[in-house]
C-alpha cells in the first residue's frame, strides 16, 4: 500500500532516495490498482469535459527511403494554416498546469515525489503524465525517482506502454514543469505496424551485435543519431538509471549532454535520440515521431510528410552521425 492514502498538495515533496529501502518499496502501487484508476479517471474526465480527446483518423504511410511503415494521426479538422506563435505577453503569463493540478485530472500519487495525472488534451485514450510534485525543470536530467514512478505506470498497463520524455528547447516539450508522458501500446490497431518496425530494427541490431543487458547499441541504417539499450523482464529502476546515463554519455560532447533530446521507454527498450530542431517545415516532431507516430494537424503538414517522407523529416529533426561512424 502507498504511504500516501489521500490527495496531498501537489507541491509536497519528500526525497524518496532518503527513505529506507523497505519504506521505499512500500510506496510501489499495485499495478491493477493503477490501471483501474487510470481507466476510471479517464472515463469521468471525458464525460465531464475536464479532459477531451482530439478526433483523429489513422493513416499508415510507408516511407519511400527505408520502406518503414509510420502511423500518422491525422486531425479530423485539418487547419489550413498553423497556429500563430504565442505573443511575448502570453508567454509572460504562463501558469503551471501541474501546481496546483486540476483535481478532475488526478489519478494517483505514485510516490512521495511523483503524481499521476491525465493529459487534458489527448490523442490516444488513457494518455497520462508522471509529474514531479515539487517544481523541477523539464530541462533537468531524469533521476531515479522519475524512472521508478514511470516504470510503475509502464508495468501497470496490461498490453504495455510507451513512456517518453521531451527534454530541451528543440525536443517538442510543451511544459517547463518536469513530466514524463505515458501512452498505452499499440499506437495503432493495424497489424502491419505491430510491433513497430523501428523496434524490430533495434532488435535486429541488438542480435547482430550480440550484446548483454545494459549495453548500448545503435541502428546505423537510420540517418540520425540513436542510441538504445535492451531491457528484460528482470530490469529494475536502478538499472534503468544506469542505462539512461550511459545513453546520455554516448551522445554527449565531452562532459556536456545534448541540449535537446527525446527519451523513449517501453518494457523492451530504452532509446535516446539527440535533437537539433523541433519543427521541420510545417510539422512539429516530439518523441512520438521517433517511435513511428506523427500527429498531423494541418493540411500543409500532411502534404509535407507525404512529399518528404517521415524518415527525411526525422533526419532533419535529429542529429547527423559523425563521419567516424
Protein backbone atom coordinates (compact mmCIF):
# COMPACT_ATOMS: atom_id res chain seq x y z
CA UNK A 1 0.00 0.00 0.00
CA UNK A 2 1.11 3.52 -0.68
CA UNK A 3 2.13 5.66 2.27
CA UNK A 4 0.08 8.40 0.61
CA UNK A 5 -3.56 7.47 1.10
CA UNK A 6 -5.20 10.81 0.43
CA UNK A 7 -4.92 13.69 -2.01
CA UNK A 8 -1.97 15.68 -0.76
CA UNK A 9 -0.98 19.09 -2.16
CA UNK A 10 0.89 18.70 -5.42
CA UNK A 11 3.74 20.87 -4.11
CA UNK A 12 4.56 18.41 -1.28
CA UNK A 13 7.81 16.56 -1.86
CA UNK A 14 9.86 14.14 0.18
CA UNK A 15 13.17 12.84 -1.09
CA UNK A 16 12.40 9.20 -1.77
CA UNK A 17 16.09 8.46 -2.04
CA UNK A 18 16.44 9.34 1.65
CA UNK A 19 13.87 6.74 2.74
CA UNK A 20 14.90 3.28 3.98
CA UNK A 21 14.72 0.58 1.29
CA UNK A 22 11.79 -1.17 2.98
CA UNK A 23 9.78 2.06 3.19
CA UNK A 24 10.59 2.91 -0.44
CA UNK A 25 9.26 -0.47 -1.53
CA UNK A 26 6.04 0.23 0.37
CA UNK A 27 5.32 3.14 -2.00
CA UNK A 28 5.05 0.86 -5.02
CA UNK A 29 1.44 0.77 -6.07
CA UNK A 30 -0.38 -2.40 -7.06
CA UNK A 31 -0.34 -2.48 -10.86
CA UNK A 32 -4.00 -3.42 -11.20
CA UNK A 33 -4.98 -0.55 -8.91
CA UNK A 34 -3.06 1.97 -11.02
CA UNK A 35 -4.60 0.75 -14.28
CA UNK A 36 -8.10 0.71 -12.79
CA UNK A 37 -7.67 4.28 -11.56
CA UNK A 38 -6.39 5.42 -14.96
CA UNK A 39 -9.44 3.96 -16.72
CA UNK A 40 -11.96 5.26 -14.18
CA UNK A 41 -10.49 8.77 -14.02
CA UNK A 42 -10.24 8.97 -17.81
CA UNK A 43 -13.88 7.96 -18.27
CA UNK A 44 -15.12 10.50 -15.72
CA UNK A 45 -12.94 13.29 -17.13
CA UNK A 46 -14.16 12.64 -20.67
CA UNK A 47 -17.79 12.64 -19.57
CA UNK A 48 -17.45 15.84 -17.54
CA UNK A 49 -15.41 17.66 -20.19
CA UNK A 50 -12.43 18.05 -17.86
CA UNK A 51 -10.37 16.23 -20.49
CA UNK A 52 -11.00 15.91 -24.19
CA UNK A 53 -9.78 13.58 -26.90
CA UNK A 54 -8.83 15.03 -30.26
CA UNK A 55 -10.73 13.42 -33.10
CA UNK A 56 -8.20 11.86 -35.44
CA UNK A 57 -8.06 9.22 -38.12
CA UNK A 58 -5.13 6.87 -38.56
CA UNK A 59 -3.20 6.61 -41.80
CA UNK A 60 -0.34 4.20 -42.45
CA UNK A 61 2.39 5.77 -44.58
CA UNK A 62 5.31 3.74 -45.92
CA UNK A 63 8.48 5.80 -46.07
CA UNK A 64 9.93 5.67 -49.59
CA UNK A 65 13.54 5.75 -48.41
CA UNK A 66 13.74 2.90 -45.88
CA UNK A 67 10.32 1.34 -46.58
CA UNK A 68 9.31 1.63 -42.92
CA UNK A 69 5.64 1.98 -42.06
CA UNK A 70 4.69 5.04 -39.97
CA UNK A 71 1.44 5.83 -38.20
CA UNK A 72 0.01 9.27 -38.98
CA UNK A 73 -2.61 10.55 -36.55
CA UNK A 74 -4.47 13.00 -38.77
CA UNK A 75 -6.78 15.55 -37.16
CA UNK A 76 -10.37 15.33 -38.41
CA UNK A 77 -10.46 19.14 -38.65
CA UNK A 78 -7.26 19.97 -40.51
CA UNK A 79 -6.34 23.62 -40.34
CA UNK A 80 -5.38 25.46 -43.49
CA UNK A 81 -2.85 27.46 -41.51
CA UNK A 82 -0.71 26.57 -38.49
CA UNK A 83 -1.32 28.31 -35.17
CA UNK A 84 0.48 31.65 -34.86
CA UNK A 85 3.32 31.71 -32.31
CA UNK A 86 2.46 32.84 -28.80
CA UNK A 87 2.96 36.52 -28.13
CA UNK A 88 5.55 37.63 -25.59
CA UNK A 89 2.67 38.74 -23.34
CA UNK A 90 1.13 35.25 -23.42
CA UNK A 91 4.49 33.70 -22.61
CA UNK A 92 4.92 36.03 -19.61
CA UNK A 93 1.55 34.97 -18.15
CA UNK A 94 2.35 31.24 -18.20
CA UNK A 95 0.65 29.34 -15.39
CA UNK A 96 1.88 25.96 -14.21
CA UNK A 97 -0.91 23.44 -15.05
CA UNK A 98 0.56 20.90 -12.61
CA UNK A 99 0.84 23.06 -9.47
CA UNK A 100 -1.84 23.11 -8.46
CA UNK A 101 -3.24 20.48 -10.79
CA UNK A 102 -6.88 20.09 -11.82
CA UNK A 103 -8.44 17.65 -9.33
CA UNK A 104 -10.52 16.11 -12.13
CA UNK A 105 -7.30 15.03 -13.86
CA UNK A 106 -5.71 13.50 -10.74
CA UNK A 107 -5.25 9.73 -10.98
CA UNK A 108 -2.99 8.73 -8.11
CA UNK A 109 0.05 9.56 -6.01
CA UNK A 110 2.76 7.22 -7.26
CA UNK A 111 5.32 8.07 -4.59
CA UNK A 112 6.29 10.87 -2.21
CA UNK A 113 7.85 12.69 -5.18
CA UNK A 114 5.53 11.99 -8.13
CA UNK A 115 1.87 12.30 -9.06
CA UNK A 116 -0.01 10.68 -11.94
CA UNK A 117 -2.33 12.98 -13.94
CA UNK A 118 -4.40 12.59 -17.09
CA UNK A 119 -3.27 14.53 -20.13
CA UNK A 120 -6.00 17.16 -20.52
CA UNK A 121 -5.87 17.16 -24.32
CA UNK A 122 -5.16 13.69 -25.63
CA UNK A 123 -4.95 11.94 -28.97
CA UNK A 124 -4.62 8.45 -27.50
CA UNK A 125 -7.01 7.19 -24.81
CA UNK A 126 -5.56 6.83 -21.29
CA UNK A 127 -2.68 9.21 -22.02
CA UNK A 128 -1.19 10.07 -18.61
CA UNK A 129 1.59 12.24 -17.19
CA UNK A 130 4.08 11.32 -14.49
CA UNK A 131 4.68 14.71 -12.84
CA UNK A 132 7.07 15.85 -10.11
CA UNK A 133 5.15 17.18 -7.11
CA UNK A 134 7.77 19.82 -6.47
CA UNK A 135 8.59 22.03 -9.45
CA UNK A 136 11.58 20.81 -11.41
CA UNK A 137 12.60 21.96 -14.86
CA UNK A 138 11.82 19.91 -17.95
CA UNK A 139 15.42 20.54 -18.96
CA UNK A 140 16.71 18.70 -15.86
CA UNK A 141 18.07 15.19 -16.33
CA UNK A 142 15.92 12.29 -15.19
CA UNK A 143 16.69 10.84 -11.78
CA UNK A 144 15.97 7.54 -10.05
CA UNK A 145 12.65 8.74 -8.63
CA UNK A 146 11.47 9.79 -12.12
CA UNK A 147 12.23 6.36 -13.54
CA UNK A 148 10.81 4.47 -10.55
CA UNK A 149 7.49 6.28 -10.86
CA UNK A 150 7.37 5.92 -14.64
CA UNK A 151 8.28 2.23 -14.51
CA UNK A 152 5.30 1.61 -12.19
CA UNK A 153 2.93 3.02 -14.81
CA UNK A 154 4.53 1.14 -17.72
CA UNK A 155 4.20 -2.12 -15.82
CA UNK A 156 0.58 -1.35 -14.89
CA UNK A 157 -0.74 -1.05 -18.47
CA UNK A 158 -1.86 -4.58 -19.47
CA UNK A 159 -0.73 -4.53 -23.11
CA UNK A 160 2.38 -2.48 -22.41
CA UNK A 161 3.03 1.23 -22.68
CA UNK A 162 5.39 3.78 -24.18
CA UNK A 163 6.81 6.45 -21.90
CA UNK A 164 8.54 9.44 -23.43
CA UNK A 165 10.43 12.46 -22.18
CA UNK A 166 10.88 15.58 -24.31
CA UNK A 167 13.89 17.43 -22.92
CA UNK A 168 15.22 20.75 -24.18
CA UNK A 169 14.04 23.59 -26.45
CA UNK A 170 14.15 21.57 -29.69
CA UNK A 171 12.62 18.36 -28.30
CA UNK A 172 8.93 19.16 -28.70
CA UNK A 173 8.41 19.81 -24.98
CA UNK A 174 5.20 21.70 -24.22
CA UNK A 175 5.50 22.48 -20.48
CA UNK A 176 8.50 23.62 -18.38
CA UNK A 177 7.36 21.62 -15.31
CA UNK A 178 9.13 18.26 -15.41
CA UNK A 179 6.90 15.43 -16.62
CA UNK A 180 7.13 12.13 -18.45
CA UNK A 181 4.25 11.13 -20.73
CA UNK A 182 2.89 7.58 -20.96
CA UNK A 183 0.57 6.16 -23.63
CA UNK A 184 -0.75 2.60 -23.94
CA UNK A 185 0.50 0.35 -26.71
CA UNK A 186 -0.05 -0.38 -29.52
CA UNK A 187 -0.19 3.09 -31.06
CA UNK A 188 -2.25 1.73 -33.97
CA UNK A 189 -4.54 -1.26 -34.49
CA UNK A 190 -3.07 -2.10 -37.90
CA UNK A 191 -1.17 -5.44 -37.71
CA UNK A 192 1.25 -4.07 -40.32
CA UNK A 193 2.81 -1.83 -37.67
CA UNK A 194 2.58 -4.18 -34.66
CA UNK A 195 5.23 -4.47 -33.42
CA UNK A 196 6.72 -1.19 -34.54
CA UNK A 197 9.13 -1.57 -37.49
CA UNK A 198 11.55 0.67 -35.59
CA UNK A 199 11.55 -1.70 -32.61
CA UNK A 200 12.16 -4.59 -35.00
CA UNK A 201 15.20 -2.75 -36.37
CA UNK A 202 16.53 -2.31 -32.85
CA UNK A 203 16.05 -5.98 -32.04
CA UNK A 204 17.91 -6.95 -35.21
CA UNK A 205 20.79 -4.58 -34.43
CA UNK A 206 20.96 -5.98 -30.90
CA UNK A 207 21.11 -9.59 -32.12
CA UNK A 208 23.75 -8.75 -34.71
CA UNK A 209 25.91 -7.07 -32.06
CA UNK A 210 25.47 -9.97 -29.57
CA UNK A 211 25.32 -7.57 -26.64
CA UNK A 212 24.41 -8.16 -22.99
CA UNK A 213 21.69 -6.37 -21.00
CA UNK A 214 22.81 -2.88 -20.01
CA UNK A 215 25.00 -2.39 -23.08
CA UNK A 216 24.20 0.28 -25.67
CA UNK A 217 23.69 -0.08 -29.41
CA UNK A 218 22.51 1.95 -32.41
CA UNK A 219 20.58 1.39 -35.63
CA UNK A 220 23.01 2.88 -38.14
CA UNK A 221 20.57 2.34 -41.02
CA UNK A 222 18.63 5.29 -39.62
CA UNK A 223 20.09 8.62 -40.84
CA UNK A 224 20.11 10.26 -37.41
CA UNK A 225 21.87 9.51 -34.16
CA UNK A 226 20.03 6.99 -31.99
CA UNK A 227 21.22 5.00 -29.00
CA UNK A 228 19.36 2.27 -27.18
CA UNK A 229 19.56 -0.46 -24.56
CA UNK A 230 17.60 -3.68 -24.44
CA UNK A 231 15.53 -4.42 -21.33
CA UNK A 232 14.32 -7.70 -19.87
CA UNK A 233 11.55 -8.82 -17.53
CA UNK A 234 14.12 -8.61 -14.72
CA UNK A 235 15.07 -4.95 -15.33
CA UNK A 236 14.79 -2.76 -12.23
CA UNK A 237 14.68 1.07 -11.89
CA UNK A 238 18.27 1.22 -10.59
CA UNK A 239 19.34 -0.45 -13.83
CA UNK A 240 17.22 1.99 -15.84
CA UNK A 241 19.03 5.00 -14.38
CA UNK A 242 22.39 3.42 -15.25
CA UNK A 243 21.22 2.77 -18.82
CA UNK A 244 19.94 6.32 -19.12
CA UNK A 245 23.26 7.78 -18.01
CA UNK A 246 25.13 5.52 -20.44
CA UNK A 247 22.90 6.60 -23.33
CA UNK A 248 23.36 10.26 -22.43
CA UNK A 249 27.11 9.77 -22.33
CA UNK A 250 27.04 8.21 -25.80
CA UNK A 251 25.67 11.38 -27.38
CA UNK A 252 27.45 13.89 -25.14
CA UNK A 253 30.10 16.29 -26.33
CA UNK A 254 32.79 15.83 -23.71
CA UNK A 255 31.02 16.24 -20.38
CA UNK A 256 28.12 18.18 -21.90
CA UNK A 257 24.92 16.21 -22.63
CA UNK A 258 22.88 17.28 -25.67
CA UNK A 259 20.83 20.42 -25.06
CA UNK A 260 17.75 18.73 -26.51
CA UNK A 261 16.84 15.07 -26.80
CA UNK A 262 13.95 12.61 -26.71
CA UNK A 263 13.90 9.57 -24.47
CA UNK A 264 11.57 6.64 -25.15
CA UNK A 265 10.97 3.77 -22.74
CA UNK A 266 8.98 0.54 -23.04
CA UNK A 267 9.27 -2.82 -21.31
CA UNK A 268 11.67 -3.86 -24.08
CA UNK A 269 13.79 -0.81 -24.94
CA UNK A 270 15.19 2.48 -23.71
CA UNK A 271 16.01 4.81 -26.61
CA UNK A 272 17.67 8.24 -26.69
CA UNK A 273 17.66 10.49 -29.75
CA UNK A 274 19.53 13.84 -29.62
CA UNK A 275 17.68 16.71 -31.33
CA UNK A 276 18.69 19.76 -33.33
CA UNK A 277 15.30 21.06 -34.50
CA UNK A 278 11.68 20.83 -33.30
CA UNK A 279 9.76 21.97 -36.39
CA UNK A 280 10.54 20.66 -39.85
CA UNK A 281 8.61 22.62 -42.43
CA UNK A 282 5.08 22.74 -41.04
CA UNK A 283 5.50 19.56 -38.99
CA UNK A 284 6.30 19.53 -35.27
CA UNK A 285 8.19 16.48 -34.02
CA UNK A 286 8.39 15.23 -30.45
CA UNK A 287 9.48 11.83 -29.10
CA UNK A 288 6.50 10.02 -30.62
CA UNK A 289 7.88 10.73 -34.09
CA UNK A 290 10.90 8.57 -33.28
CA UNK A 291 8.53 5.83 -32.12
CA UNK A 292 6.94 5.84 -35.57
CA UNK A 293 3.89 8.04 -34.90
CA UNK A 294 3.39 11.63 -36.09
CA UNK A 295 0.46 13.90 -35.24
CA UNK A 296 -0.73 15.88 -38.27
CA UNK A 297 -2.94 18.90 -37.59
CA UNK A 298 -2.65 20.94 -40.79
CA UNK A 299 -3.14 20.30 -44.49
CA UNK A 300 0.29 21.73 -45.15
CA UNK A 301 1.77 19.29 -42.64
CA UNK A 302 0.10 16.27 -44.23
CA UNK A 303 1.25 17.29 -47.70
CA UNK A 304 4.78 17.90 -46.44
CA UNK A 305 5.04 14.47 -44.80
CA UNK A 306 3.67 12.75 -47.89
CA UNK A 307 6.12 14.63 -50.11
CA UNK A 308 9.26 14.32 -47.98
CA UNK A 309 8.63 11.03 -46.23
CA UNK A 310 8.83 10.56 -42.45
CA UNK A 311 12.47 9.45 -42.37
CA UNK A 312 13.68 12.63 -44.10
CA UNK A 313 11.74 14.68 -41.57
CA UNK A 314 13.20 12.75 -38.64
CA UNK A 315 16.67 13.10 -40.15
CA UNK A 316 16.26 16.88 -40.18
CA UNK A 317 14.89 16.86 -36.62
CA UNK A 318 17.65 14.62 -35.25
CA UNK A 319 21.42 14.96 -35.30
CA UNK A 320 23.58 13.54 -38.11
CA UNK A 321 26.00 10.71 -37.48
CA UNK A 322 29.62 11.72 -37.05
CA UNK A 323 31.76 10.85 -40.05
CA UNK A 324 33.79 8.39 -38.00
CA UNK A 325 30.71 6.15 -37.55
